[in-house]
Amino acid sequence: MTESNPVADNVAHSRYELVEEGQTAFADYRREGHRLIIPHVEAPPALRGKGSAGRLMAGVVAHARAEGLFIVPLCAYAAAWLRRHPEHADVLA
């Protein structure tokens, strides 16, 4: 975890995590070659509506870009977030 990207890759649980207000939002993933498949994104009820899931997705994109991975958003939220942020189209599979 870094200051510029507080999203951590929890390799043991195959998910990216963002801790805010003592709660953890997460994006499950699996890797297939250069593809990062995101089947599920979840924010606890206490974080919903506060932008936590969006900050999580921005961190996932940063990790993918840094590792040369392309995102396959199976999760409806992840897909919608990426559609709303076309500046990240370069990381879509």
Protein backbone atom coordinates (compact mmCIF):
# COMPACT_ATOMS: atom_id res chain seq x y z
CA MET A 1 0.00 0.00 0.00
CA THR A 2 1.32 3.43 -0.92
CA GLU A 3 0.16 6.96 -0.27
CA SER A 4 -0.45 7.58 -3.97
CA ASN A 5 -2.50 4.40 -4.30
CA PRO A 6 -4.03 3.15 -1.03
CA VAL A 7 -5.51 0.14 -2.84
CA ALA A 8 -3.67 -3.02 -1.79
CA ASP A 9 -3.39 -6.29 -3.68
CA ASN A 10 -4.33 -9.01 -1.18
CA VAL A 11 -2.79 -11.88 -3.15
CA ALA A 12 -3.76 -14.47 -0.52
CA HIS A 13 -7.46 -13.66 -1.08
CA SER A 14 -7.18 -12.72 -4.80
CA ARG A 15 -8.70 -9.32 -4.25
CA TYR A 16 -7.83 -5.66 -4.23
CA GLU A 17 -8.76 -3.87 -1.02
CA LEU A 18 -9.36 -0.30 0.05
CA VAL A 19 -9.76 0.43 3.75
CA GLU A 20 -11.68 3.56 4.67
CA GLU A 21 -13.34 4.43 7.97
CA GLY A 22 -12.23 1.04 9.32
CA GLN A 23 -14.24 -0.79 6.61
CA THR A 24 -12.89 -2.68 3.59
CA ALA A 25 -14.19 -2.33 0.06
CA PHE A 26 -12.85 -5.01 -2.26
CA ALA A 27 -12.69 -6.23 -5.83
CA ASP A 28 -12.26 -9.97 -6.32
CA TYR A 29 -10.06 -10.95 -9.24
CA ARG A 30 -8.44 -13.78 -11.08
CA ARG A 31 -5.55 -13.52 -13.50
CA GLU A 32 -5.45 -15.28 -16.84
CA GLY A 33 -2.29 -14.38 -18.71
CA HIS A 34 -2.35 -10.62 -19.18
CA ARG A 35 -6.03 -10.39 -18.27
CA LEU A 36 -7.31 -9.30 -14.87
CA ILE A 37 -10.86 -10.62 -14.53
CA ILE A 38 -13.04 -8.74 -12.02
CA PRO A 39 -16.12 -10.84 -11.15
CA HIS A 40 -17.21 -8.91 -8.06
CA VAL A 41 -16.79 -5.49 -6.41
CA GLU A 42 -18.28 -4.77 -3.02
CA ALA A 43 -18.34 -1.92 -0.54
CA PRO A 44 -19.75 -2.36 2.97
CA PRO A 45 -23.05 -0.51 3.59
CA ALA A 46 -21.26 2.13 5.70
CA LEU A 47 -19.10 3.11 2.69
CA ARG A 48 -21.80 3.09 0.01
CA GLY A 49 -22.56 6.43 -1.59
CA LYS A 50 -19.24 7.91 -0.43
CA GLY A 51 -17.14 7.15 -3.52
CA SER A 52 -15.18 4.32 -1.92
CA ALA A 53 -15.94 1.81 -4.68
CA GLY A 54 -14.91 4.38 -7.28
CA ARG A 55 -11.62 5.01 -5.50
CA LEU A 56 -11.16 1.24 -5.30
CA MET A 57 -11.70 0.90 -9.05
CA ALA A 58 -9.27 3.73 -9.76
CA GLY A 59 -6.69 1.82 -7.70
CA VAL A 60 -7.44 -1.43 -9.54
CA VAL A 61 -6.89 0.39 -12.85
CA ALA A 62 -3.59 1.81 -11.55
CA HIS A 63 -2.41 -1.67 -10.52
CA ALA A 64 -3.47 -3.16 -13.87
CA ARG A 65 -1.72 -0.42 -15.83
CA ALA A 66 1.47 -0.76 -13.74
CA GLU A 67 1.54 -4.53 -14.32
CA GLY A 68 0.63 -4.39 -18.01
CA LEU A 69 -2.71 -6.15 -17.43
CA PHE A 70 -6.02 -5.72 -19.24
CA ILE A 71 -9.23 -5.67 -17.22
CA VAL A 72 -12.22 -7.88 -17.98
CA PRO A 73 -15.06 -6.39 -15.88
CA LEU A 74 -17.60 -9.17 -15.28
CA CYS A 75 -19.07 -7.27 -12.32
CA ALA A 76 -21.83 -4.85 -13.37
CA TYR A 77 -20.43 -2.12 -11.11
CA ALA A 78 -16.89 -2.48 -12.50
CA ALA A 79 -18.20 -2.43 -16.08
CA ALA A 80 -20.37 0.65 -15.42
CA TRP A 81 -17.52 2.46 -13.66
CA LEU A 82 -15.19 1.82 -16.60
CA ARG A 83 -17.85 3.05 -19.06
CA ARG A 84 -18.17 6.27 -17.03
CA HIS A 85 -14.38 6.72 -17.14
CA PRO A 86 -13.36 6.38 -20.79
CA GLU A 87 -9.92 7.73 -19.92
CA HIS A 88 -9.16 4.19 -18.73
CA ALA A 89 -10.21 2.46 -21.96
CA ASP A 90 -6.58 1.53 -22.59
CA VAL A 91 -6.73 -1.10 -19.83
CA LEU A 92 -9.92 -2.81 -21.07
CA ALA A 93 -9.47 -6.25 -22.60
